[in-house]
C-alpha atoms as a PDB file:
ATOM      1  CA  UNK A   1       0.083   0.164   0.043  1.00  0.00           C
ATOM      2  CA  UNK A   2       1.252   3.561  -0.875  1.00  0.00           C
ATOM      3  CA  UNK A   3       2.875   5.249   2.090  1.00  0.00           C
ATOM      4  CA  UNK A   4       0.346   8.324   1.329  1.00  0.00           C
ATOM      5  CA  UNK A   5      -2.508   6.246   1.772  1.00  0.00           C
ATOM      6  CA  UNK A   6      -1.357   4.555   5.154  1.00  0.00           C
ATOM      7  CA  UNK A   7      -0.648   8.415   6.457  1.00  0.00           C
ATOM      8  CA  UNK A   8      -4.203   9.112   5.727  1.00  0.00           C
ATOM      9  CA  UNK A   9      -5.720   6.186   7.126  1.00  0.00           C
ATOM     10  CA  UNK A  10      -3.977   7.165  10.399  1.00  0.00           C
ATOM     11  CA  UNK A  11      -4.992  10.627  10.334  1.00  0.00           C
ATOM     12  CA  UNK A  12      -8.595   9.187   9.635  1.00  0.00           C
ATOM     13  CA  UNK A  13      -8.570   7.000  12.490  1.00  0.00           C
ATOM     14  CA  UNK A  14      -7.108   9.292  15.023  1.00  0.00           C
ATOM     15  CA  UNK A  15      -9.788  12.037  14.140  1.00  0.00           C
ATOM     16  CA  UNK A  16     -12.348   9.661  13.823  1.00  0.00           C
ATOM     17  CA  UNK A  17     -11.680   8.189  17.423  1.00  0.00           C
ATOM     18  CA  UNK A  18     -11.191  11.930  18.741  1.00  0.00           C
ATOM     19  CA  UNK A  19     -15.057  12.548  17.407  1.00  0.00           C
ATOM     20  CA  UNK A  20     -16.324   9.298  18.507  1.00  0.00           C
ATOM     21  CA  UNK A  21     -14.753   9.793  22.045  1.00  0.00           C
ATOM     22  CA  UNK A  22     -16.505  13.549  21.823  1.00  0.00           C
ATOM     23  CA  UNK A  23     -13.156  15.188  22.687  1.00  0.00           C
ATOM     24  CA  UNK A  24     -13.540  17.700  19.843  1.00  0.00           C
ATOM     25  CA  UNK A  25     -17.292  17.966  19.980  1.00  0.00           C
ATOM     26  CA  UNK A  26     -18.835  17.385  23.428  1.00  0.00           C
ATOM     27  CA  UNK A  27     -22.505  18.659  23.851  1.00  0.00           C
ATOM     28  CA  UNK A  28     -24.061  18.753  20.562  1.00  0.00           C
ATOM     29  CA  UNK A  29     -22.909  15.870  18.876  1.00  0.00           C
ATOM     30  CA  UNK A  30     -25.869  13.511  18.288  1.00  0.00           C
ATOM     31  CA  UNK A  31     -25.675   9.867  17.129  1.00  0.00           C
ATOM     32  CA  UNK A  32     -28.269   8.415  14.688  1.00  0.00           C
ATOM     33  CA  UNK A  33     -28.614   5.127  13.443  1.00  0.00           C
ATOM     34  CA  UNK A  34     -30.311   4.046  10.339  1.00  0.00           C
ATOM     35  CA  UNK A  35     -31.477   0.618   8.391  1.00  0.00           C
ATOM     36  CA  UNK A  36     -31.052  -0.730   5.311  1.00  0.00           C
ATOM     37  CA  UNK A  37     -33.399   1.288   2.724  1.00  0.00           C
ATOM     38  CA  UNK A  38     -33.793   4.356   5.009  1.00  0.00           C
ATOM     39  CA  UNK A  39     -33.163   8.116   3.542  1.00  0.00           C
ATOM     40  CA  UNK A  40     -30.717   9.531   6.291  1.00  0.00           C
ATOM     41  CA  UNK A  41     -29.763  12.960   4.928  1.00  0.00           C
ATOM     42  CA  UNK A  42     -31.960  15.657   3.491  1.00  0.00           C
ATOM     43  CA  UNK A  43     -30.720  18.508   1.736  1.00  0.00           C
ATOM     44  CA  UNK A  44     -32.366  20.870   4.215  1.00  0.00           C
ATOM     45  CA  UNK A  45     -30.536  19.371   7.281  1.00  0.00           C
ATOM     46  CA  UNK A  46     -27.280  19.556   5.677  1.00  0.00           C
ATOM     47  CA  UNK A  47     -27.943  23.399   5.871  1.00  0.00           C
ATOM     48  CA  UNK A  48     -27.678  22.803   9.509  1.00  0.00           C
ATOM     49  CA  UNK A  49     -25.829  19.703  10.317  1.00  0.00           C
ATOM     50  CA  UNK A  50     -22.911  17.947   8.805  1.00  0.00           C
ATOM     51  CA  UNK A  51     -22.305  14.096   9.720  1.00  0.00           C
ATOM     52  CA  UNK A  52     -19.296  11.737  10.174  1.00  0.00           C
ATOM     53  CA  UNK A  53     -20.215   8.063   9.030  1.00  0.00           C
ATOM     54  CA  UNK A  54     -18.561   5.770  11.789  1.00  0.00           C
ATOM     55  CA  UNK A  55     -19.877   2.699  10.337  1.00  0.00           C
ATOM     56  CA  UNK A  56     -22.171   0.980   7.451  1.00  0.00           C
ATOM     57  CA  UNK A  57     -22.805   2.412   3.978  1.00  0.00           C
ATOM     58  CA  UNK A  58     -24.829   5.102   2.254  1.00  0.00           C
ATOM     59  CA  UNK A  59     -25.116   5.917  -1.351  1.00  0.00           C
ATOM     60  CA  UNK A  60     -25.328   9.834  -2.560  1.00  0.00           C
ATOM     61  CA  UNK A  61     -27.226  10.390  -5.803  1.00  0.00           C
ATOM     62  CA  UNK A  62     -29.320  12.039  -8.464  1.00  0.00           C
ATOM     63  CA  UNK A  63     -32.172  10.521 -10.507  1.00  0.00           C
ATOM     64  CA  UNK A  64     -33.043  11.413 -14.487  1.00  0.00           C
ATOM     65  CA  UNK A  65     -36.467  11.559 -14.022  1.00  0.00           C
ATOM     66  CA  UNK A  66     -37.198  11.107 -17.562  1.00  0.00           C
ATOM     67  CA  UNK A  67     -35.152   8.071 -17.910  1.00  0.00           C
ATOM     68  CA  UNK A  68     -35.203   6.794 -14.578  1.00  0.00           C
ATOM     69  CA  UNK A  69     -30.970   6.187 -14.996  1.00  0.00           C
ATOM     70  CA  UNK A  70     -29.245   6.733 -11.737  1.00  0.00           C
ATOM     71  CA  UNK A  71     -26.254   8.159 -10.885  1.00  0.00           C
ATOM     72  CA  UNK A  72     -23.667   7.510  -7.807  1.00  0.00           C
ATOM     73  CA  UNK A  73     -21.983  10.481  -7.084  1.00  0.00           C
ATOM     74  CA  UNK A  74     -20.357   9.431  -3.574  1.00  0.00           C
ATOM     75  CA  UNK A  75     -20.688   6.035  -1.739  1.00  0.00           C
ATOM     76  CA  UNK A  76     -20.283   6.831   2.171  1.00  0.00           C
ATOM     77  CA  UNK A  77     -18.331   4.806   4.247  1.00  0.00           C
ATOM     78  CA  UNK A  78     -16.454   4.472   7.871  1.00  0.00           C
ATOM     79  CA  UNK A  79     -14.080   7.787   7.486  1.00  0.00           C
ATOM     80  CA  UNK A  80     -16.444   9.779   5.166  1.00  0.00           C
ATOM     81  CA  UNK A  81     -17.994  13.132   5.885  1.00  0.00           C
ATOM     82  CA  UNK A  82     -20.932  14.953   4.741  1.00  0.00           C
ATOM     83  CA  UNK A  83     -21.687  17.477   3.104  1.00  0.00           C
ATOM     84  CA  UNK A  84     -18.641  19.048   2.689  1.00  0.00           C
ATOM     85  CA  UNK A  85     -20.000  21.554  -0.248  1.00  0.00           C
ATOM     86  CA  UNK A  86     -22.858  22.853   2.102  1.00  0.00           C
ATOM     87  CA  UNK A  87     -20.511  23.478   4.401  1.00  0.00           C
ATOM     88  CA  UNK A  88     -18.301  25.506   2.150  1.00  0.00           C
ATOM     89  CA  UNK A  89     -20.986  27.527   0.073  1.00  0.00           C
ATOM     90  CA  UNK A  90     -23.790  27.646   2.784  1.00  0.00           C
ATOM     91  CA  UNK A  91     -26.365  26.194  -0.399  1.00  0.00           C
ATOM     92  CA  UNK A  92     -28.371  23.483  -0.175  1.00  0.00           C
ATOM     93  CA  UNK A  93     -27.668  20.141  -2.644  1.00  0.00           C
ATOM     94  CA  UNK A  94     -30.589  18.603  -3.880  1.00  0.00           C
ATOM     95  CA  UNK A  95     -28.943  15.078  -3.810  1.00  0.00           C
ATOM     96  CA  UNK A  96     -30.762  11.746  -2.841  1.00  0.00           C
ATOM     97  CA  UNK A  97     -29.475   9.217  -0.521  1.00  0.00           C
ATOM     98  CA  UNK A  98     -30.367   5.779   0.751  1.00  0.00           C
ATOM     99  CA  UNK A  99     -28.713   3.642   3.399  1.00  0.00           C
ATOM    100  CA  UNK A 100     -27.471   0.322   1.758  1.00  0.00           C
ATOM    101  CA  UNK A 101     -26.006  -1.405   4.896  1.00  0.00           C
ATOM    102  CA  UNK A 102     -26.706  -0.746   8.569  1.00  0.00           C
ATOM    103  CA  UNK A 103     -25.419   2.515   9.493  1.00  0.00           C
ATOM    104  CA  UNK A 104     -24.074   4.825  12.483  1.00  0.00           C
ATOM    105  CA  UNK A 105     -23.679   8.752  12.052  1.00  0.00           C
ATOM    106  CA  UNK A 106     -22.381  11.606  14.214  1.00  0.00           C
ATOM    107  CA  UNK A 107     -24.310  14.584  13.614  1.00  0.00           C
ATOM    108  CA  UNK A 108     -22.693  18.240  14.431  1.00  0.00           C
ATOM    109  CA  UNK A 109     -23.732  21.539  13.981  1.00  0.00           C
ATOM    110  CA  UNK A 110     -22.247  23.456  11.331  1.00  0.00           C
ATOM    111  CA  UNK A 111     -21.048  25.802  13.427  1.00  0.00           C
ATOM    112  CA  UNK A 112     -19.081  23.311  15.493  1.00  0.00           C
ATOM    113  CA  UNK A 113     -17.252  21.737  12.388  1.00  0.00           C
ATOM    114  CA  UNK A 114     -16.451  25.119  11.427  1.00  0.00           C
ATOM    115  CA  UNK A 115     -15.273  25.912  14.991  1.00  0.00           C
ATOM    116  CA  UNK A 116     -13.183  22.496  14.300  1.00  0.00           C
ATOM    117  CA  UNK A 117     -11.558  23.568  11.034  1.00  0.00           C
ATOM    118  CA  UNK A 118     -10.595  26.638  12.444  1.00  0.00           C
ATOM    119  CA  UNK A 119      -9.057  25.893  16.176  1.00  0.00           C
ATOM    120  CA  UNK A 120      -8.324  22.158  15.369  1.00  0.00           C
ATOM    121  CA  UNK A 121      -4.995  21.927  13.410  1.00  0.00           C
ATOM    122  CA  UNK A 122      -4.959  18.121  13.106  1.00  0.00           C
ATOM    123  CA  UNK A 123      -8.907  18.019  12.011  1.00  0.00           C
ATOM    124  CA  UNK A 124      -8.003  21.187   9.515  1.00  0.00           C
ATOM    125  CA  UNK A 125      -5.732  18.842   8.017  1.00  0.00           C
ATOM    126  CA  UNK A 126      -7.563  16.366   7.734  1.00  0.00           C
ATOM    127  CA  UNK A 127     -10.396  18.330   6.251  1.00  0.00           C
ATOM    128  CA  UNK A 128      -8.943  19.654   3.539  1.00  0.00           C
ATOM    129  CA  UNK A 129      -6.938  16.487   2.422  1.00  0.00           C
ATOM    130  CA  UNK A 130     -10.530  14.657   2.663  1.00  0.00           C
ATOM    131  CA  UNK A 131     -11.721  17.976   0.426  1.00  0.00           C
ATOM    132  CA  UNK A 132      -8.873  17.430  -2.136  1.00  0.00           C
ATOM    133  CA  UNK A 133      -9.781  13.464  -2.370  1.00  0.00           C
ATOM    134  CA  UNK A 134     -13.846  14.565  -2.985  1.00  0.00           C
ATOM    135  CA  UNK A 135     -12.590  17.031  -5.519  1.00  0.00           C
ATOM    136  CA  UNK A 136     -10.326  14.234  -7.416  1.00  0.00           C
ATOM    137  CA  UNK A 137     -13.097  11.831  -7.450  1.00  0.00           C
ATOM    138  CA  UNK A 138     -15.771  14.031  -9.014  1.00  0.00           C
ATOM    139  CA  UNK A 139     -13.005  15.166 -11.669  1.00  0.00           C
ATOM    140  CA  UNK A 140     -11.906  11.192 -12.296  1.00  0.00           C
ATOM    141  CA  UNK A 141     -15.708  10.570 -12.510  1.00  0.00           C
ATOM    142  CA  UNK A 142     -16.230  13.213 -15.239  1.00  0.00           C
ATOM    143  CA  UNK A 143     -12.862  12.538 -17.414  1.00  0.00           C
ATOM    144  CA  UNK A 144     -14.205   8.716 -16.695  1.00  0.00           C
ATOM    145  CA  UNK A 145     -17.627   8.731 -17.802  1.00  0.00           C
ATOM    146  CA  UNK A 146     -16.562  11.334 -20.858  1.00  0.00           C
ATOM    147  CA  UNK A 147     -13.622   9.493 -22.820  1.00  0.00           C
ATOM    148  CA  UNK A 148     -14.016   5.710 -21.363  1.00  0.00           C
ATOM    149  CA  UNK A 149     -15.662   3.011 -22.364  1.00  0.00           C
ATOM    150  CA  UNK A 150     -17.999   0.675 -19.535  1.00  0.00           C
ATOM    151  CA  UNK A 151     -15.401  -1.948 -19.681  1.00  0.00           C
ATOM    152  CA  UNK A 152     -12.506   0.546 -18.861  1.00  0.00           C
ATOM    153  CA  UNK A 153     -14.681   2.475 -16.004  1.00  0.00           C
ATOM    154  CA  UNK A 154     -15.337  -1.164 -14.649  1.00  0.00           C
ATOM    155  CA  UNK A 155     -11.379  -1.357 -14.143  1.00  0.00           C
ATOM    156  CA  UNK A 156     -10.908   2.001 -12.857  1.00  0.00           C
ATOM    157  CA  UNK A 157     -13.829   1.202 -10.291  1.00  0.00           C
ATOM    158  CA  UNK A 158     -12.438  -2.086  -9.274  1.00  0.00           C
ATOM    159  CA  UNK A 159      -8.718  -0.644  -9.000  1.00  0.00           C
ATOM    160  CA  UNK A 160      -9.958   2.339  -6.851  1.00  0.00           C
ATOM    161  CA  UNK A 161     -11.402   0.220  -4.073  1.00  0.00           C
ATOM    162  CA  UNK A 162      -8.859  -2.693  -4.244  1.00  0.00           C
ATOM    163  CA  UNK A 163      -6.274  -2.507  -1.062  1.00  0.00           C
ATOM    164  CA  UNK A 164      -3.500  -5.079  -1.014  1.00  0.00           C
ATOM    165  CA  UNK A 165      -3.427  -6.589   2.718  1.00  0.00           C
ATOM    166  CA  UNK A 166      -0.876  -9.254   3.315  1.00  0.00           C
ATOM    167  CA  UNK A 167       0.174  -9.449  -0.140  1.00  0.00           C
ATOM    168  CA  UNK A 168      -3.240 -10.189  -1.290  1.00  0.00           C
ATOM    169  CA  UNK A 169      -5.697  -7.960  -3.024  1.00  0.00           C
ATOM    170  CA  UNK A 170      -9.322  -7.137  -1.524  1.00  0.00           C
ATOM    171  CA  UNK A 171     -11.937  -5.503  -2.712  1.00  0.00           C
ATOM    172  CA  UNK A 172     -13.662  -3.070  -0.095  1.00  0.00           C
ATOM    173  CA  UNK A 173     -16.221  -0.981   0.331  1.00  0.00           C
ATOM    174  CA  UNK A 174     -18.622  -2.355  -3.280  1.00  0.00           C
ATOM    175  CA  UNK A 175     -17.737  -5.783  -2.872  1.00  0.00           C
ATOM    176  CA  UNK A 176     -21.066  -6.629  -1.652  1.00  0.00           C
ATOM    177  CA  UNK A 177     -22.922  -3.602  -3.905  1.00  0.00           C
ATOM    178  CA  UNK A 178     -25.941  -5.427  -6.233  1.00  0.00           C
ATOM    179  CA  UNK A 179     -25.041  -4.961  -9.343  1.00  0.00           C
ATOM    180  CA  UNK A 180     -27.593  -2.121  -9.907  1.00  0.00           C
ATOM    181  CA  UNK A 181     -25.582   0.217  -7.354  1.00  0.00           C
ATOM    182  CA  UNK A 182     -22.769  -0.626  -9.505  1.00  0.00           C
ATOM    183  CA  UNK A 183     -23.604   0.093 -12.508  1.00  0.00           C
ATOM    184  CA  UNK A 184     -24.774   3.547 -10.939  1.00  0.00           C
ATOM    185  CA  UNK A 185     -21.774   4.180  -9.888  1.00  0.00           C
ATOM    186  CA  UNK A 186     -19.990   4.296 -13.645  1.00  0.00           C
ATOM    187  CA  UNK A 187     -22.992   5.694 -15.569  1.00  0.00           C
ATOM    188  CA  UNK A 188     -24.637   2.645 -17.122  1.00  0.00           C
ATOM    189  CA  UNK A 189     -27.200   0.100 -16.758  1.00  0.00           C
ATOM    190  CA  UNK A 190     -27.076  -3.504 -14.854  1.00  0.00           C
ATOM    191  CA  UNK A 191     -27.343  -5.057 -18.598  1.00  0.00           C
ATOM    192  CA  UNK A 192     -24.439  -3.309 -19.821  1.00  0.00           C
ATOM    193  CA  UNK A 193     -22.207  -3.806 -16.654  1.00  0.00           C
ATOM    194  CA  UNK A 194     -23.174  -7.664 -16.491  1.00  0.00           C
ATOM    195  CA  UNK A 195     -21.593  -7.962 -20.102  1.00  0.00           C
ATOM    196  CA  UNK A 196     -18.286  -6.558 -18.373  1.00  0.00           C
ATOM    197  CA  UNK A 197     -18.409  -8.490 -15.251  1.00  0.00           C
ATOM    198  CA  UNK A 198     -18.733 -11.732 -17.276  1.00  0.00           C
ATOM    199  CA  UNK A 199     -15.618 -10.444 -19.381  1.00  0.00           C
ATOM    200  CA  UNK A 200     -13.705  -9.809 -16.614  1.00  0.00           C
ATOM    201  CA  UNK A 201     -14.545 -13.136 -14.969  1.00  0.00           C
ATOM    202  CA  UNK A 202     -13.908 -15.309 -18.008  1.00  0.00           C
ATOM    203  CA  UNK A 203     -10.375 -13.469 -17.992  1.00  0.00           C
ATOM    204  CA  UNK A 204      -9.517 -14.995 -14.680  1.00  0.00           C
ATOM    205  CA  UNK A 205      -9.549 -11.295 -13.408  1.00  0.00           C
ATOM    206  CA  UNK A 206     -12.606 -11.503 -10.745  1.00  0.00           C
ATOM    207  CA  UNK A 207     -14.705 -13.954  -9.072  1.00  0.00           C
ATOM    208  CA  UNK A 208     -18.231 -13.887  -8.086  1.00  0.00           C
ATOM    209  CA  UNK A 209     -19.547 -16.133  -5.338  1.00  0.00           C
ATOM    210  CA  UNK A 210     -22.550 -15.490  -2.953  1.00  0.00           C
ATOM    211  CA  UNK A 211     -23.039 -12.220  -4.426  1.00  0.00           C
ATOM    212  CA  UNK A 212     -19.461 -10.820  -3.800  1.00  0.00           C
ATOM    213  CA  UNK A 213     -16.938 -10.121  -6.070  1.00  0.00           C
ATOM    214  CA  UNK A 214     -13.405 -10.886  -5.305  1.00  0.00           C
ATOM    215  CA  UNK A 215     -10.545  -9.623  -7.019  1.00  0.00           C
ATOM    216  CA  UNK A 216      -8.717 -12.834  -8.160  1.00  0.00           C
ATOM    217  CA  UNK A 217      -5.657 -11.476 -10.478  1.00  0.00           C
ATOM    218  CA  UNK A 218      -5.558  -7.544  -9.679  1.00  0.00           C
ATOM    219  CA  UNK A 219      -2.159  -7.339 -11.653  1.00  0.00           C
ATOM    220  CA  UNK A 220      -4.072  -8.701 -14.441  1.00  0.00           C
ATOM    221  CA  UNK A 221      -6.542  -6.073 -13.752  1.00  0.00           C
ATOM    222  CA  UNK A 222      -3.671  -3.130 -13.657  1.00  0.00           C
ATOM    223  CA  UNK A 223      -2.348  -4.442 -16.930  1.00  0.00           C
ATOM    224  CA  UNK A 224      -6.002  -4.220 -18.716  1.00  0.00           C
ATOM    225  CA  UNK A 225      -6.083  -0.329 -17.241  1.00  0.00           C
ATOM    226  CA  UNK A 226      -2.901   0.370 -19.659  1.00  0.00           C
ATOM    227  CA  UNK A 227      -4.016  -1.551 -22.857  1.00  0.00           C
END
């Protein structure tokens, strides 16, 4: 794993541990728990509150009303924050949200998060690092949708969410998503996605068992990205 990723993960764990222990936010935090299928984050709430995802998984998405096509913008899991944009520009974002697995989030008033950014150096460094990651993610999504076919987008998605643990590749966060959500992450539909998944399976790059995707040959996946 890249050294910068190790540093980022260590910082993330430190900050979240502080938040979880109420070292930064003592009196105004609120713990919220949601079940799969819930809609946890209304755009009105994000004008008043900021959220830290402590466990679980939430998708933030938009739907085209004419075609009903869905595009996932963010997939929030442990260590993520929402909504950075509303915090900075004080404007509502009319996103849709859905809990994909049981989730615990911490709700903090925006004024307290602004105080944390202003007064706590470690949190400020973490916040701006996270903001840069979010901007890069949106940039990558725009480029991917504009210039790459579905097969390449699937490869990019899997490469992004694969970690090397004990010299073994493991797909994280998206490994148990249904195919509709995977398709919505790369701007396509399930039927088209399935063709790419079958190709990856035939090429020995992935395995699919019990509705979970496993990376079988990560190096071959990376090699296909270069083609």
